[in-house]
Amino acid sequence: MIDSATVSLNFIKKEVFTGSYSGMRYRLEKCNDNIKAWVWPEPYNFIKTEESLKTSEEFPLTMEGKEEAVAWLNEQYVAREKLWSSVNGKPLLTIM
Protein backbone atom coordinates (compact mmCIF):
# COMPACT_ATOMS: atom_id res chain seq x y z
CA MET A 1 0.00 0.00 0.00
CA ILE A 2 0.99 3.63 -0.40
CA ASP A 3 2.66 5.03 2.73
CA SER A 4 1.67 8.63 3.53
CA ALA A 5 5.14 9.22 4.99
CA THR A 6 6.51 9.04 1.43
CA VAL A 7 4.13 11.77 0.23
CA SER A 8 5.23 15.36 0.94
CA LEU A 9 2.55 18.00 1.40
CA ASN A 10 5.11 20.73 0.73
CA PHE A 11 5.97 19.06 -2.59
CA ILE A 12 2.29 18.88 -3.57
CA LYS A 13 1.94 22.60 -2.82
CA LYS A 14 4.60 23.32 -5.47
CA GLU A 15 4.59 20.42 -7.95
CA VAL A 16 2.48 17.51 -9.13
CA PHE A 17 3.27 14.34 -7.16
CA THR A 18 2.93 11.11 -9.17
CA GLY A 19 3.53 7.45 -8.51
CA SER A 20 2.28 3.96 -9.11
CA TYR A 21 1.39 0.91 -7.07
CA SER A 22 0.92 -2.56 -8.54
CA GLY A 23 -0.84 -1.49 -11.74
CA MET A 24 -2.50 1.65 -10.36
CA ARG A 25 -1.03 5.01 -11.26
CA TYR A 26 -1.80 8.05 -9.14
CA ARG A 27 -1.36 11.80 -9.12
CA LEU A 28 -1.72 14.37 -6.33
CA GLU A 29 -1.82 18.04 -7.23
CA LYS A 30 -2.73 21.40 -5.75
CA CYS A 31 -6.03 22.59 -7.17
CA ASN A 32 -7.06 25.97 -5.73
CA ASP A 33 -6.97 25.33 -1.96
CA ASN A 34 -7.39 21.57 -2.27
CA ILE A 35 -5.44 18.44 -3.09
CA LYS A 36 -6.86 16.69 -6.12
CA ALA A 37 -6.10 12.97 -6.20
CA TRP A 38 -6.36 10.92 -9.38
CA VAL A 39 -6.03 7.20 -10.12
CA TRP A 40 -5.93 5.36 -13.45
CA PRO A 41 -4.63 2.00 -14.73
CA GLU A 42 -1.19 1.47 -16.19
CA PRO A 43 0.50 1.61 -18.64
CA TYR A 44 -0.01 5.18 -19.87
CA ASN A 45 0.84 8.44 -18.18
CA PHE A 46 -1.84 10.92 -17.09
CA ILE A 47 -1.98 12.85 -20.36
CA LYS A 48 -2.12 9.76 -22.62
CA THR A 49 -4.83 8.00 -20.58
CA GLU A 50 -8.45 8.32 -21.67
CA GLU A 51 -10.53 10.51 -19.34
CA SER A 52 -13.06 7.71 -18.85
CA LEU A 53 -10.35 5.60 -17.15
CA LYS A 54 -9.46 8.29 -14.59
CA THR A 55 -11.11 8.69 -11.19
CA SER A 56 -10.56 11.71 -8.93
CA GLU A 57 -11.45 13.16 -5.55
CA GLU A 58 -10.57 16.40 -3.73
CA PHE A 59 -9.30 16.91 -0.18
CA PRO A 60 -8.27 19.95 1.90
CA LEU A 61 -4.73 21.22 1.33
CA THR A 62 -3.67 20.31 4.88
CA MET A 63 -1.76 17.48 6.56
CA GLU A 64 -5.09 15.88 7.43
CA GLY A 65 -6.21 16.27 3.82
CA LYS A 66 -2.99 14.64 2.61
CA GLU A 67 -3.65 11.70 4.96
CA GLU A 68 -7.23 11.45 3.64
CA ALA A 69 -5.96 11.56 0.05
CA VAL A 70 -3.48 8.73 0.63
CA ALA A 71 -6.18 6.71 2.42
CA TRP A 72 -8.45 7.27 -0.60
CA LEU A 73 -5.69 6.08 -2.96
CA ASN A 74 -5.34 2.91 -0.91
CA GLU A 75 -9.13 2.44 -0.86
CA GLN A 76 -9.19 2.78 -4.64
CA TYR A 77 -6.52 0.11 -4.91
CA VAL A 78 -8.44 -2.34 -2.74
CA ALA A 79 -11.80 -1.61 -4.39
CA ARG A 80 -10.44 -2.16 -7.91
CA GLU A 81 -7.59 -4.58 -7.27
CA LYS A 82 -8.74 -6.90 -10.08
CA LEU A 83 -8.32 -4.08 -12.64
CA TRP A 84 -4.91 -3.02 -11.33
CA SER A 85 -3.58 -6.59 -11.25
CA SER A 86 -4.84 -7.26 -14.79
CA VAL A 87 -2.60 -4.51 -16.21
CA ASN A 88 0.34 -4.70 -13.79
CA GLY A 89 3.57 -5.27 -15.69
CA LYS A 90 1.93 -6.22 -18.98
CA PRO A 91 3.34 -4.90 -22.27
CA LEU A 92 1.27 -2.21 -23.97
CA LEU A 93 0.20 -4.41 -26.86
CA THR A 94 -1.44 -6.98 -24.57
CA ILE A 95 -3.54 -4.37 -22.76
CA MET A 96 -4.95 -2.26 -25.58
C-alpha atoms as a PDB file:
ATOM      1  CA  MET A   1       0.000   0.000   0.000  1.00  0.00           C
ATOM      2  CA  ILE A   2       0.990   3.634  -0.397  1.00  0.00           C
ATOM      3  CA  ASP A   3       2.658   5.033   2.732  1.00  0.00           C
ATOM      4  CA  SER A   4       1.669   8.628   3.533  1.00  0.00           C
ATOM      5  CA  ALA A   5       5.140   9.220   4.992  1.00  0.00           C
ATOM      6  CA  THR A   6       6.515   9.045   1.430  1.00  0.00           C
ATOM      7  CA  VAL A   7       4.133  11.773   0.227  1.00  0.00           C
ATOM      8  CA  SER A   8       5.228  15.358   0.940  1.00  0.00           C
ATOM      9  CA  LEU A   9       2.547  17.999   1.405  1.00  0.00           C
ATOM     10  CA  ASN A  10       5.113  20.729   0.727  1.00  0.00           C
ATOM     11  CA  PHE A  11       5.974  19.063  -2.588  1.00  0.00           C
ATOM     12  CA  ILE A  12       2.290  18.881  -3.572  1.00  0.00           C
ATOM     13  CA  LYS A  13       1.942  22.601  -2.824  1.00  0.00           C
ATOM     14  CA  LYS A  14       4.601  23.324  -5.473  1.00  0.00           C
ATOM     15  CA  GLU A  15       4.590  20.424  -7.949  1.00  0.00           C
ATOM     16  CA  VAL A  16       2.484  17.507  -9.133  1.00  0.00           C
ATOM     17  CA  PHE A  17       3.266  14.335  -7.161  1.00  0.00           C
ATOM     18  CA  THR A  18       2.931  11.106  -9.166  1.00  0.00           C
ATOM     19  CA  GLY A  19       3.529   7.453  -8.512  1.00  0.00           C
ATOM     20  CA  SER A  20       2.285   3.956  -9.106  1.00  0.00           C
ATOM     21  CA  TYR A  21       1.395   0.915  -7.070  1.00  0.00           C
ATOM     22  CA  SER A  22       0.922  -2.561  -8.543  1.00  0.00           C
ATOM     23  CA  GLY A  23      -0.839  -1.490 -11.742  1.00  0.00           C
ATOM     24  CA  MET A  24      -2.502   1.654 -10.356  1.00  0.00           C
ATOM     25  CA  ARG A  25      -1.025   5.011 -11.261  1.00  0.00           C
ATOM     26  CA  TYR A  26      -1.803   8.051  -9.139  1.00  0.00           C
ATOM     27  CA  ARG A  27      -1.361  11.800  -9.124  1.00  0.00           C
ATOM     28  CA  LEU A  28      -1.721  14.369  -6.333  1.00  0.00           C
ATOM     29  CA  GLU A  29      -1.816  18.041  -7.227  1.00  0.00           C
ATOM     30  CA  LYS A  30      -2.726  21.399  -5.755  1.00  0.00           C
ATOM     31  CA  CYS A  31      -6.032  22.586  -7.170  1.00  0.00           C
ATOM     32  CA  ASN A  32      -7.064  25.974  -5.726  1.00  0.00           C
ATOM     33  CA  ASP A  33      -6.966  25.331  -1.958  1.00  0.00           C
ATOM     34  CA  ASN A  34      -7.390  21.568  -2.266  1.00  0.00           C
ATOM     35  CA  ILE A  35      -5.445  18.441  -3.092  1.00  0.00           C
ATOM     36  CA  LYS A  36      -6.861  16.691  -6.117  1.00  0.00           C
ATOM     37  CA  ALA A  37      -6.096  12.973  -6.200  1.00  0.00           C
ATOM     38  CA  TRP A  38      -6.363  10.920  -9.385  1.00  0.00           C
ATOM     39  CA  VAL A  39      -6.029   7.196 -10.116  1.00  0.00           C
ATOM     40  CA  TRP A  40      -5.929   5.355 -13.447  1.00  0.00           C
ATOM     41  CA  PRO A  41      -4.633   2.001 -14.730  1.00  0.00           C
ATOM     42  CA  GLU A  42      -1.189   1.474 -16.188  1.00  0.00           C
ATOM     43  CA  PRO A  43       0.496   1.605 -18.644  1.00  0.00           C
ATOM     44  CA  TYR A  44      -0.011   5.178 -19.873  1.00  0.00           C
ATOM     45  CA  ASN A  45       0.843   8.444 -18.183  1.00  0.00           C
ATOM     46  CA  PHE A  46      -1.838  10.920 -17.091  1.00  0.00           C
ATOM     47  CA  ILE A  47      -1.977  12.848 -20.356  1.00  0.00           C
ATOM     48  CA  LYS A  48      -2.115   9.764 -22.621  1.00  0.00           C
ATOM     49  CA  THR A  49      -4.826   7.998 -20.581  1.00  0.00           C
ATOM     50  CA  GLU A  50      -8.453   8.324 -21.674  1.00  0.00           C
ATOM     51  CA  GLU A  51     -10.534  10.506 -19.342  1.00  0.00           C
ATOM     52  CA  SER A  52     -13.057   7.707 -18.855  1.00  0.00           C
ATOM     53  CA  LEU A  53     -10.346   5.604 -17.153  1.00  0.00           C
ATOM     54  CA  LYS A  54      -9.458   8.293 -14.587  1.00  0.00           C
ATOM     55  CA  THR A  55     -11.110   8.694 -11.186  1.00  0.00           C
ATOM     56  CA  SER A  56     -10.557  11.706  -8.926  1.00  0.00           C
ATOM     57  CA  GLU A  57     -11.455  13.161  -5.550  1.00  0.00           C
ATOM     58  CA  GLU A  58     -10.570  16.400  -3.730  1.00  0.00           C
ATOM     59  CA  PHE A  59      -9.301  16.915  -0.185  1.00  0.00           C
ATOM     60  CA  PRO A  60      -8.273  19.949   1.895  1.00  0.00           C
ATOM     61  CA  LEU A  61      -4.725  21.221   1.325  1.00  0.00           C
ATOM     62  CA  THR A  62      -3.674  20.310   4.880  1.00  0.00           C
ATOM     63  CA  MET A  63      -1.760  17.485   6.560  1.00  0.00           C
ATOM     64  CA  GLU A  64      -5.087  15.876   7.429  1.00  0.00           C
ATOM     65  CA  GLY A  65      -6.209  16.271   3.820  1.00  0.00           C
ATOM     66  CA  LYS A  66      -2.994  14.638   2.612  1.00  0.00           C
ATOM     67  CA  GLU A  67      -3.649  11.702   4.955  1.00  0.00           C
ATOM     68  CA  GLU A  68      -7.228  11.449   3.644  1.00  0.00           C
ATOM     69  CA  ALA A  69      -5.964  11.556   0.047  1.00  0.00           C
ATOM     70  CA  VAL A  70      -3.482   8.735   0.632  1.00  0.00           C
ATOM     71  CA  ALA A  71      -6.179   6.707   2.419  1.00  0.00           C
ATOM     72  CA  TRP A  72      -8.447   7.274  -0.605  1.00  0.00           C
ATOM     73  CA  LEU A  73      -5.693   6.082  -2.962  1.00  0.00           C
ATOM     74  CA  ASN A  74      -5.342   2.910  -0.907  1.00  0.00           C
ATOM     75  CA  GLU A  75      -9.127   2.441  -0.859  1.00  0.00           C
ATOM     76  CA  GLN A  76      -9.188   2.784  -4.639  1.00  0.00           C
ATOM     77  CA  TYR A  77      -6.518   0.111  -4.914  1.00  0.00           C
ATOM     78  CA  VAL A  78      -8.441  -2.337  -2.736  1.00  0.00           C
ATOM     79  CA  ALA A  79     -11.800  -1.615  -4.389  1.00  0.00           C
ATOM     80  CA  ARG A  80     -10.444  -2.163  -7.914  1.00  0.00           C
ATOM     81  CA  GLU A  81      -7.593  -4.577  -7.274  1.00  0.00           C
ATOM     82  CA  LYS A  82      -8.736  -6.898 -10.077  1.00  0.00           C
ATOM     83  CA  LEU A  83      -8.322  -4.079 -12.635  1.00  0.00           C
ATOM     84  CA  TRP A  84      -4.911  -3.022 -11.325  1.00  0.00           C
ATOM     85  CA  SER A  85      -3.577  -6.585 -11.251  1.00  0.00           C
ATOM     86  CA  SER A  86      -4.844  -7.256 -14.795  1.00  0.00           C
ATOM     87  CA  VAL A  87      -2.605  -4.508 -16.215  1.00  0.00           C
ATOM     88  CA  ASN A  88       0.337  -4.704 -13.792  1.00  0.00           C
ATOM     89  CA  GLY A  89       3.573  -5.274 -15.691  1.00  0.00           C
ATOM     90  CA  LYS A  90       1.930  -6.225 -18.977  1.00  0.00           C
ATOM     91  CA  PRO A  91       3.338  -4.901 -22.268  1.00  0.00           C
ATOM     92  CA  LEU A  92       1.271  -2.211 -23.972  1.00  0.00           C
ATOM     93  CA  LEU A  93       0.196  -4.411 -26.860  1.00  0.00           C
ATOM     94  CA  THR A  94      -1.435  -6.976 -24.567  1.00  0.00           C
ATOM     95  CA  ILE A  95      -3.537  -4.371 -22.758  1.00  0.00           C
ATOM     96  CA  MET A  96      -4.954  -2.264 -25.576  1.00  0.00           C
END
